[in-house]
N, C-alpha and C. Protein backbone atom coordinates (compact mmCIF):
# COMPACT_ATOMS: atom_id res chain seq x y z
N MET A 1 164.40 109.38 111.91
CA MET A 1 163.48 108.27 111.83
C MET A 1 162.93 108.01 113.23
N THR A 2 161.65 107.95 113.36
CA THR A 2 161.03 107.73 114.67
C THR A 2 160.96 106.25 114.99
N SER A 3 160.65 105.95 116.27
CA SER A 3 160.57 104.55 116.67
C SER A 3 159.39 103.85 115.99
N ILE A 4 158.37 104.61 115.60
CA ILE A 4 157.23 104.01 114.92
C ILE A 4 157.63 103.54 113.53
N GLU A 5 158.48 104.31 112.87
CA GLU A 5 158.92 103.92 111.54
C GLU A 5 159.85 102.72 111.59
N ARG A 6 160.65 102.59 112.65
CA ARG A 6 161.58 101.48 112.75
C ARG A 6 160.86 100.18 113.14
N HIS A 7 159.81 100.30 113.95
CA HIS A 7 159.09 99.12 114.42
C HIS A 7 157.64 99.22 113.98
N PRO A 8 157.31 98.68 112.81
CA PRO A 8 155.93 98.77 112.34
C PRO A 8 155.00 97.98 113.26
N PRO A 9 153.75 98.38 113.35
CA PRO A 9 152.81 97.66 114.21
C PRO A 9 152.59 96.24 113.69
N PRO A 10 152.25 95.32 114.58
CA PRO A 10 152.02 93.94 114.13
C PRO A 10 150.80 93.87 113.23
N ASP A 11 150.74 92.82 112.42
CA ASP A 11 149.65 92.65 111.47
C ASP A 11 148.33 92.34 112.16
N ARG A 12 148.38 91.65 113.28
CA ARG A 12 147.14 91.27 113.98
C ARG A 12 146.64 92.43 114.82
N HIS A 13 145.36 92.39 115.15
CA HIS A 13 144.75 93.42 115.97
C HIS A 13 145.18 93.22 117.42
N ASP A 14 145.70 94.26 118.03
CA ASP A 14 146.17 94.17 119.41
C ASP A 14 145.08 94.72 120.32
N TRP A 15 144.49 93.87 121.15
CA TRP A 15 143.38 94.27 122.01
C TRP A 15 143.82 95.27 123.06
N LEU A 16 145.06 95.17 123.54
CA LEU A 16 145.53 96.09 124.56
C LEU A 16 145.68 97.50 123.99
N ASP A 17 146.17 97.61 122.76
CA ASP A 17 146.27 98.92 122.13
C ASP A 17 144.90 99.57 121.96
N ALA A 18 143.91 98.77 121.63
CA ALA A 18 142.56 99.31 121.47
C ALA A 18 142.02 99.82 122.80
N ILE A 19 142.26 99.08 123.88
CA ILE A 19 141.79 99.52 125.20
C ILE A 19 142.50 100.80 125.63
N LEU A 20 143.81 100.86 125.41
CA LEU A 20 144.56 102.06 125.78
C LEU A 20 144.14 103.28 124.96
N ALA A 21 143.89 103.08 123.67
CA ALA A 21 143.45 104.19 122.82
C ALA A 21 142.08 104.70 123.26
N ALA A 22 141.17 103.78 123.61
CA ALA A 22 139.85 104.20 124.08
C ALA A 22 139.95 104.95 125.40
N ASP A 23 140.82 104.51 126.29
CA ASP A 23 141.00 105.18 127.57
C ASP A 23 141.61 106.58 127.36
N ALA A 24 142.55 106.70 126.45
CA ALA A 24 143.15 108.00 126.17
C ALA A 24 142.12 108.95 125.59
N HIS A 25 141.26 108.45 124.73
CA HIS A 25 140.22 109.28 124.14
C HIS A 25 139.22 109.73 125.22
N ALA A 26 138.88 108.83 126.14
CA ALA A 26 137.93 109.17 127.21
C ALA A 26 138.53 110.20 128.17
N THR A 27 139.80 110.07 128.51
CA THR A 27 140.39 111.04 129.44
C THR A 27 140.68 112.37 128.77
N GLN A 28 140.86 112.37 127.46
CA GLN A 28 141.11 113.64 126.76
C GLN A 28 139.86 114.51 126.80
N SER A 29 138.70 113.90 126.73
CA SER A 29 137.47 114.69 126.76
C SER A 29 137.12 115.12 128.20
N ALA A 30 137.79 114.55 129.20
CA ALA A 30 137.52 114.89 130.60
C ALA A 30 138.45 115.98 131.12
N TYR A 31 139.15 116.69 130.26
CA TYR A 31 140.08 117.74 130.68
C TYR A 31 139.32 118.89 131.33
N VAL A 32 139.86 119.39 132.44
CA VAL A 32 139.25 120.51 133.15
C VAL A 32 140.15 121.73 132.97
N ALA A 33 139.60 122.79 132.39
CA ALA A 33 140.37 124.02 132.20
C ALA A 33 140.55 124.71 133.56
N ASP A 34 141.77 125.13 133.86
CA ASP A 34 142.03 125.76 135.15
C ASP A 34 142.48 127.22 135.02
N ASP A 35 142.40 127.79 133.84
CA ASP A 35 142.75 129.19 133.58
C ASP A 35 144.16 129.54 134.07
N GLY A 36 145.11 128.62 133.89
CA GLY A 36 146.50 128.90 134.24
C GLY A 36 146.85 128.68 135.69
N PHE A 37 145.94 128.11 136.49
CA PHE A 37 146.20 127.89 137.91
C PHE A 37 147.40 126.96 138.12
N THR A 38 147.44 125.86 137.38
CA THR A 38 148.53 124.90 137.54
C THR A 38 149.87 125.54 137.21
N ALA A 39 149.93 126.32 136.14
CA ALA A 39 151.18 126.98 135.76
C ALA A 39 151.62 127.96 136.84
N ARG A 40 150.69 128.68 137.45
CA ARG A 40 151.06 129.62 138.52
C ARG A 40 151.57 128.88 139.75
N VAL A 41 150.95 127.76 140.10
CA VAL A 41 151.41 126.99 141.27
C VAL A 41 152.81 126.44 141.03
N VAL A 42 153.04 125.90 139.84
CA VAL A 42 154.36 125.35 139.54
C VAL A 42 155.41 126.45 139.53
N ALA A 43 155.07 127.61 139.01
CA ALA A 43 156.02 128.73 138.99
C ALA A 43 156.34 129.22 140.40
N ALA A 44 155.40 129.07 141.33
CA ALA A 44 155.62 129.54 142.70
C ALA A 44 156.40 128.55 143.55
N LEU A 45 156.57 127.33 143.09
CA LEU A 45 157.31 126.33 143.87
C LEU A 45 158.78 126.73 143.98
N PRO A 46 159.41 126.45 145.13
CA PRO A 46 160.83 126.78 145.26
C PRO A 46 161.67 125.85 144.39
N LEU A 47 162.82 126.34 143.98
CA LEU A 47 163.73 125.53 143.17
C LEU A 47 164.33 124.43 144.04
N ALA A 48 164.68 123.34 143.39
CA ALA A 48 165.32 122.24 144.10
C ALA A 48 166.70 122.69 144.57
N PRO A 49 167.13 122.26 145.75
CA PRO A 49 168.44 122.68 146.25
C PRO A 49 169.55 122.15 145.33
N GLN A 50 170.54 122.99 145.11
CA GLN A 50 171.67 122.63 144.25
C GLN A 50 172.80 122.06 145.09
N ARG A 51 173.55 121.15 144.50
CA ARG A 51 174.71 120.61 145.19
C ARG A 51 175.81 121.66 145.23
N PRO A 52 176.57 121.72 146.31
CA PRO A 52 177.67 122.68 146.36
C PRO A 52 178.76 122.31 145.35
N ALA A 53 179.48 123.30 144.88
CA ALA A 53 180.51 123.08 143.85
C ALA A 53 181.67 122.23 144.37
N TRP A 54 181.92 122.25 145.66
CA TRP A 54 183.05 121.51 146.21
C TRP A 54 182.74 120.03 146.39
N ARG A 55 181.49 119.62 146.24
CA ARG A 55 181.12 118.25 146.54
C ARG A 55 181.72 117.25 145.55
N ALA A 56 181.70 117.54 144.26
CA ALA A 56 182.19 116.59 143.26
C ALA A 56 183.67 116.27 143.45
N PRO A 57 184.55 117.28 143.65
CA PRO A 57 185.96 116.92 143.85
C PRO A 57 186.19 116.12 145.14
N ILE A 58 185.44 116.42 146.19
CA ILE A 58 185.61 115.69 147.44
C ILE A 58 185.18 114.23 147.28
N VAL A 59 184.05 114.02 146.61
CA VAL A 59 183.59 112.65 146.38
C VAL A 59 184.59 111.90 145.50
N GLY A 60 185.13 112.56 144.50
CA GLY A 60 186.15 111.93 143.65
C GLY A 60 187.39 111.55 144.44
N ALA A 61 187.81 112.43 145.35
CA ALA A 61 188.98 112.13 146.18
C ALA A 61 188.69 110.96 147.12
N MET A 62 187.48 110.90 147.66
CA MET A 62 187.13 109.78 148.53
C MET A 62 187.15 108.46 147.78
N TRP A 63 186.64 108.44 146.54
CA TRP A 63 186.68 107.22 145.73
C TRP A 63 188.12 106.84 145.40
N ALA A 64 188.98 107.82 145.17
CA ALA A 64 190.39 107.53 144.88
C ALA A 64 191.06 106.91 146.10
N VAL A 65 190.77 107.43 147.29
CA VAL A 65 191.35 106.86 148.51
C VAL A 65 190.85 105.43 148.70
N ALA A 66 189.57 105.20 148.45
CA ALA A 66 189.02 103.85 148.58
C ALA A 66 189.67 102.90 147.57
N ALA A 67 189.89 103.36 146.36
CA ALA A 67 190.52 102.52 145.34
C ALA A 67 191.95 102.17 145.72
N VAL A 68 192.68 103.15 146.24
CA VAL A 68 194.06 102.88 146.67
C VAL A 68 194.06 101.90 147.84
N GLY A 69 193.13 102.07 148.77
CA GLY A 69 193.03 101.14 149.89
C GLY A 69 192.73 99.72 149.44
N LEU A 70 191.83 99.57 148.48
CA LEU A 70 191.54 98.24 147.95
C LEU A 70 192.73 97.65 147.21
N ALA A 71 193.45 98.50 146.49
CA ALA A 71 194.62 98.02 145.76
C ALA A 71 195.71 97.54 146.71
N VAL A 72 195.83 98.20 147.84
CA VAL A 72 196.84 97.79 148.82
C VAL A 72 196.39 96.52 149.54
N ALA A 73 195.09 96.42 149.87
CA ALA A 73 194.60 95.27 150.62
C ALA A 73 194.31 94.06 149.75
N ALA A 74 194.06 94.25 148.48
CA ALA A 74 193.61 93.16 147.61
C ALA A 74 194.62 92.04 147.41
N PRO A 75 195.92 92.31 147.24
CA PRO A 75 196.83 91.17 146.98
C PRO A 75 196.79 90.12 148.09
N GLY A 76 196.81 90.52 149.34
CA GLY A 76 196.75 89.56 150.43
C GLY A 76 195.41 88.86 150.48
N THR A 77 194.36 89.60 150.28
CA THR A 77 193.01 89.01 150.30
C THR A 77 192.84 88.02 149.15
N MET A 78 193.31 88.38 147.98
CA MET A 78 193.19 87.48 146.83
C MET A 78 194.02 86.21 147.05
N LEU A 79 195.21 86.36 147.62
CA LEU A 79 196.03 85.19 147.90
C LEU A 79 195.34 84.25 148.89
N ASP A 80 194.73 84.83 149.93
CA ASP A 80 193.98 84.01 150.89
C ASP A 80 192.80 83.32 150.22
N ALA A 81 192.09 84.03 149.36
CA ALA A 81 190.93 83.43 148.68
C ALA A 81 191.37 82.29 147.77
N VAL A 82 192.48 82.45 147.06
CA VAL A 82 192.97 81.39 146.17
C VAL A 82 193.40 80.18 146.99
N ARG A 83 194.08 80.41 148.10
CA ARG A 83 194.50 79.29 148.95
C ARG A 83 193.29 78.52 149.49
N GLU A 84 192.26 79.22 149.93
CA GLU A 84 191.07 78.55 150.45
C GLU A 84 190.34 77.79 149.34
N ALA A 85 190.28 78.37 148.14
CA ALA A 85 189.64 77.67 147.03
C ALA A 85 190.41 76.40 146.67
N TYR A 86 191.74 76.48 146.68
CA TYR A 86 192.56 75.30 146.38
C TYR A 86 192.36 74.24 147.46
N ARG A 87 192.31 74.67 148.72
CA ARG A 87 192.11 73.73 149.82
C ARG A 87 190.74 73.05 149.69
N PHE A 88 189.72 73.81 149.29
CA PHE A 88 188.38 73.24 149.12
C PHE A 88 188.37 72.23 147.97
N VAL A 89 188.95 72.59 146.84
CA VAL A 89 188.95 71.70 145.67
C VAL A 89 189.80 70.46 145.95
N ALA A 90 190.94 70.66 146.62
CA ALA A 90 191.82 69.52 146.89
C ALA A 90 191.19 68.54 147.87
N SER A 91 190.31 69.00 148.72
CA SER A 91 189.70 68.10 149.70
C SER A 91 188.52 67.32 149.13
N GLN A 92 188.07 67.65 147.94
CA GLN A 92 186.93 66.96 147.33
C GLN A 92 187.40 65.74 146.56
N PRO A 93 186.65 64.63 146.67
CA PRO A 93 187.02 63.46 145.86
C PRO A 93 186.73 63.74 144.39
N MET A 94 187.68 63.46 143.54
CA MET A 94 187.54 63.71 142.11
C MET A 94 187.48 62.39 141.36
N SER A 95 186.63 62.35 140.35
CA SER A 95 186.58 61.20 139.45
C SER A 95 186.47 61.73 138.03
N LEU A 96 186.68 60.85 137.10
CA LEU A 96 186.61 61.25 135.70
C LEU A 96 185.20 61.71 135.34
N THR A 97 184.17 61.07 135.88
CA THR A 97 182.80 61.46 135.56
C THR A 97 182.45 62.82 136.17
N SER A 98 182.95 63.12 137.37
CA SER A 98 182.67 64.44 137.94
C SER A 98 183.39 65.53 137.17
N LEU A 99 184.61 65.27 136.73
CA LEU A 99 185.31 66.25 135.90
C LEU A 99 184.61 66.45 134.56
N ALA A 100 184.12 65.37 133.96
CA ALA A 100 183.39 65.48 132.69
C ALA A 100 182.10 66.25 132.89
N GLY A 101 181.40 66.02 134.00
CA GLY A 101 180.18 66.77 134.29
C GLY A 101 180.45 68.25 134.49
N ALA A 102 181.52 68.56 135.20
CA ALA A 102 181.89 69.96 135.41
C ALA A 102 182.25 70.63 134.08
N ALA A 103 183.00 69.90 133.24
CA ALA A 103 183.37 70.45 131.93
C ALA A 103 182.12 70.66 131.06
N ALA A 104 181.17 69.72 131.11
CA ALA A 104 179.95 69.86 130.32
C ALA A 104 179.13 71.05 130.80
N ALA A 105 179.04 71.23 132.13
CA ALA A 105 178.30 72.37 132.67
C ALA A 105 178.97 73.67 132.26
N LEU A 106 180.30 73.71 132.34
CA LEU A 106 181.03 74.92 131.94
C LEU A 106 180.83 75.21 130.46
N LEU A 107 180.85 74.18 129.64
CA LEU A 107 180.63 74.36 128.20
C LEU A 107 179.22 74.86 127.92
N ALA A 108 178.22 74.32 128.63
CA ALA A 108 176.84 74.75 128.44
C ALA A 108 176.66 76.21 128.86
N LEU A 109 177.24 76.59 129.99
CA LEU A 109 177.14 77.98 130.44
C LEU A 109 177.85 78.94 129.49
N THR A 110 179.01 78.52 128.99
CA THR A 110 179.73 79.36 128.03
C THR A 110 178.94 79.53 126.74
N GLY A 111 178.35 78.45 126.26
CA GLY A 111 177.52 78.53 125.05
C GLY A 111 176.30 79.40 125.25
N ALA A 112 175.65 79.27 126.41
CA ALA A 112 174.48 80.10 126.68
C ALA A 112 174.87 81.57 126.77
N ALA A 113 176.00 81.86 127.39
CA ALA A 113 176.46 83.24 127.47
C ALA A 113 176.79 83.79 126.09
N ALA A 114 177.39 82.95 125.23
CA ALA A 114 177.71 83.40 123.87
C ALA A 114 176.44 83.67 123.08
N VAL A 115 175.45 82.80 123.20
CA VAL A 115 174.19 83.00 122.49
C VAL A 115 173.51 84.28 122.97
N TYR A 116 173.49 84.48 124.29
CA TYR A 116 172.87 85.68 124.84
C TYR A 116 173.63 86.94 124.41
N GLY A 117 174.94 86.88 124.41
CA GLY A 117 175.74 88.06 124.04
C GLY A 117 175.69 88.39 122.56
N LEU A 118 175.52 87.39 121.73
CA LEU A 118 175.55 87.60 120.28
C LEU A 118 174.17 87.73 119.66
N ARG A 119 173.12 87.70 120.48
CA ARG A 119 171.76 87.78 119.93
C ARG A 119 171.49 89.17 119.39
N ASP A 120 170.47 89.25 118.55
CA ASP A 120 170.08 90.53 117.97
C ASP A 120 169.49 91.39 119.07
N GLY A 121 169.80 92.68 119.09
CA GLY A 121 169.40 93.57 120.17
C GLY A 121 167.97 94.05 120.15
N ASP A 122 167.00 93.25 119.74
CA ASP A 122 165.59 93.70 119.72
C ASP A 122 165.05 93.81 121.08
């Protein structure tokens, strides 16, 4: 099944489609025959350089080393980040209305994310 069959054209006349179709028709009649010149030029072009076979395993090993380094460094960094976040939150004056506002904002963001995530994939 092609994309045209899945998405039928709209019922109304689309002015942009008409302009594009007219332009395509005009450029189709402006074709210049080159007797195979373009094909010969493309065939004469050098091939794109290929990556060496050893590159993929080396890059994979480098990513593995980076992942291990992050895993070793992350616990201390995460602990520091949590401590600073707690210090920031603890230093702020809290009231029932500010907590209710934060909860309402969190609820609104969660609802918006759910609506966006569950929408039809058109």
